[in-house]
Protein backbone atom coordinates (compact mmCIF):
# COMPACT_ATOMS: atom_id res chain seq x y z
CA UNK A 1 0.07 0.03 0.38
CA UNK A 2 3.19 2.26 0.66
CA UNK A 3 3.92 1.81 -2.78
CA UNK A 4 0.53 2.33 -4.30
CA UNK A 5 0.25 5.84 -2.28
CA UNK A 6 3.85 6.83 -3.48
CA UNK A 7 3.81 6.27 -7.01
CA UNK A 8 0.07 8.03 -6.81
CA UNK A 9 1.69 10.94 -4.83
CA UNK A 10 4.68 11.23 -7.30
CA UNK A 11 2.46 11.22 -10.58
CA UNK A 12 0.41 13.91 -8.62
CA UNK A 13 3.25 15.99 -7.59
CA UNK A 14 5.32 15.75 -10.88
CA UNK A 15 2.08 16.96 -12.90
CA UNK A 16 1.62 19.75 -10.67
CA UNK A 17 4.72 21.20 -11.10
CA UNK A 18 4.60 20.65 -14.49
CA UNK A 19 1.30 23.02 -14.22
CA UNK A 20 2.82 25.28 -12.27
CA UNK A 21 5.57 25.65 -14.51
CA UNK A 22 3.34 26.07 -17.39
CA UNK A 23 1.11 28.64 -16.48
CA UNK A 24 4.22 31.05 -15.25
CA UNK A 25 6.45 30.93 -17.95
CA UNK A 26 4.85 29.53 -21.40
CA UNK A 27 1.97 31.67 -22.56
CA UNK A 28 2.53 31.06 -26.31
CA UNK A 29 3.09 28.06 -28.46
CA UNK A 30 7.20 26.57 -27.99
CA UNK A 31 8.26 24.02 -29.97
CA UNK A 32 10.54 21.53 -28.16
CA UNK A 33 10.84 19.90 -31.78
CA UNK A 34 9.94 21.95 -34.19
CA UNK A 35 6.65 21.23 -36.05
CA UNK A 36 5.83 17.99 -34.61
CA UNK A 37 6.20 18.68 -30.23
CA UNK A 38 5.22 21.54 -28.78
CA UNK A 39 4.50 23.32 -25.23
CA UNK A 40 1.13 25.58 -24.56
CA UNK A 41 -0.80 26.77 -21.97
CA UNK A 42 -4.19 26.09 -22.46
CA UNK A 43 -7.37 25.85 -20.20
CA UNK A 44 -9.71 22.80 -20.84
CA UNK A 45 -12.97 23.51 -19.28
CA UNK A 46 -14.55 19.83 -20.32
CA UNK A 47 -13.46 16.29 -20.85
CA UNK A 48 -11.49 14.74 -23.04
CA UNK A 49 -10.94 16.87 -26.04
CA UNK A 50 -13.13 19.48 -24.10
CA UNK A 51 -16.39 17.49 -24.41
CA UNK A 52 -19.10 18.54 -21.95
CA UNK A 53 -17.62 21.91 -21.76
CA UNK A 54 -18.85 23.69 -18.17
CA UNK A 55 -19.68 20.52 -16.00
CA UNK A 56 -17.18 21.04 -13.70
CA UNK A 57 -18.99 19.52 -10.88
CA UNK A 58 -19.99 16.35 -12.43
CA UNK A 59 -15.94 15.92 -13.25
CA UNK A 60 -14.87 16.73 -9.57
CA UNK A 61 -17.77 14.26 -8.33
CA UNK A 62 -16.80 11.32 -10.21
CA UNK A 63 -13.23 11.98 -9.86
CA UNK A 64 -13.32 12.02 -6.04
CA UNK A 65 -15.80 8.85 -6.44
CA UNK A 66 -13.72 6.98 -8.87
CA UNK A 67 -10.27 7.88 -6.64
CA UNK A 68 -12.78 6.09 -3.38
CA UNK A 69 -13.21 3.23 -5.77
CA UNK A 70 -9.82 2.79 -7.01
CA UNK A 71 -8.18 3.24 -3.34
CA UNK A 72 -10.68 1.03 -1.64
CA UNK A 73 -10.40 -1.62 -4.29
CA UNK A 74 -6.25 -1.82 -4.60
CA UNK A 75 -6.83 -1.84 -0.73
CA UNK A 76 -8.89 -4.73 -0.14
CA UNK A 77 -7.44 -6.89 -2.96
CA UNK A 78 -3.53 -6.42 -2.27
CA UNK A 79 -3.51 -5.79 -6.23
CA UNK A 80 -0.15 -4.94 -7.47
CA UNK A 81 -0.37 -3.77 -10.44
CA UNK A 82 1.29 -0.23 -11.28
CA UNK A 83 -1.79 0.62 -13.26
CA UNK A 84 -3.96 1.81 -10.38
CA UNK A 85 -1.78 4.00 -8.90
CA UNK A 86 -0.98 6.20 -12.52
CA UNK A 87 -4.98 6.12 -12.63
CA UNK A 88 -5.45 7.30 -9.10
CA UNK A 89 -2.72 10.06 -9.64
CA UNK A 90 -3.72 11.43 -12.50
CA UNK A 91 -7.24 11.81 -11.65
CA UNK A 92 -6.67 13.26 -8.54
CA UNK A 93 -4.32 15.97 -10.48
CA UNK A 94 -7.02 17.17 -13.00
CA UNK A 95 -9.68 16.53 -9.93
CA UNK A 96 -7.18 19.60 -7.97
CA UNK A 97 -7.38 21.63 -11.56
CA UNK A 98 -11.27 21.66 -11.63
CA UNK A 99 -11.67 22.73 -8.02
CA UNK A 100 -9.25 25.40 -7.98
CA UNK A 101 -9.40 26.94 -11.36
CA UNK A 102 -12.58 25.86 -12.59
CA UNK A 103 -10.87 24.17 -15.69
CA UNK A 104 -7.89 21.67 -16.20
CA UNK A 105 -4.53 22.90 -17.27
CA UNK A 106 -3.30 21.28 -20.39
CA UNK A 107 -0.17 22.07 -22.23
CA UNK A 108 1.53 19.29 -24.08
CA UNK A 109 0.88 19.41 -27.63
CA UNK A 110 1.76 17.76 -31.05
CA UNK A 111 1.82 18.16 -34.80
CA UNK A 112 1.11 15.48 -37.69
CA UNK A 113 1.19 16.70 -40.85
CA UNK A 114 0.93 20.17 -40.12
CA UNK A 115 -2.51 19.16 -37.57
CA UNK A 116 -2.64 19.94 -34.05
CA UNK A 117 -3.79 16.83 -32.38
CA UNK A 118 -5.29 17.48 -28.83
CA UNK A 119 -3.68 18.89 -26.06
CA UNK A 120 -2.83 17.31 -23.08
CA UNK A 121 -1.55 16.75 -19.88
CA UNK A 122 0.84 14.75 -17.52
CA UNK A 123 -2.20 13.48 -15.45
CA UNK A 124 -3.86 12.63 -18.72
CA UNK A 125 -0.82 10.81 -19.66
CA UNK A 126 -1.08 8.43 -16.71
CA UNK A 127 -4.84 7.77 -16.20
CA UNK A 128 -4.53 6.52 -20.20
CA UNK A 129 -0.82 4.49 -19.40
CA UNK A 130 -2.75 3.39 -16.10
CA UNK A 131 -6.25 2.36 -18.22
CA UNK A 132 -3.58 0.55 -20.84
CA UNK A 133 -1.99 -1.36 -17.88
CA UNK A 134 -4.95 -2.46 -16.08
CA UNK A 135 -6.77 -3.80 -19.11
CA UNK A 136 -3.66 -5.70 -20.21
CA UNK A 137 -2.96 -7.12 -16.89
CA UNK A 138 -6.43 -8.39 -16.59
CA UNK A 139 -6.46 -9.81 -20.32
CA UNK A 140 -3.45 -11.34 -18.89
CA UNK A 141 -4.77 -12.81 -15.66
CA UNK A 142 -8.14 -13.68 -17.36
CA UNK A 143 -5.80 -15.84 -20.28
CA UNK A 144 -3.75 -17.71 -17.76
CA UNK A 145 -7.29 -18.74 -15.78
CA UNK A 146 -8.73 -20.51 -18.47
CA UNK A 147 -5.47 -22.83 -18.60
């Protein structure tokens, strides 16, 4: 459980620090790799790809409920899958933004074939990677339990 909370905290902390740095130092698009990878400070008032804009209370409640469920599930079942703390740290990072600012700070962007992709943050990355790890781990367990 200490490792679970430690990883969750690291994700949350790195996400928080990155957002503070972006807020304070980046206003215009800054290319890290020309015409491909850039940083830019944006405010996302919706969910993924700005869906459901302005429904902050719903996102905060869902995030809090999901965090409690994840924590209790991992504690009860003594789960060692690293996907869960990644998921929890990411959820809490975005929930804090919504509570403090009323929006999520996004700043990581890519251009592919001169077209900008949706902008995201470290918390979003942790959530996606965590979910993939959980799904892959579940599939492996399902396959091995059949044999």
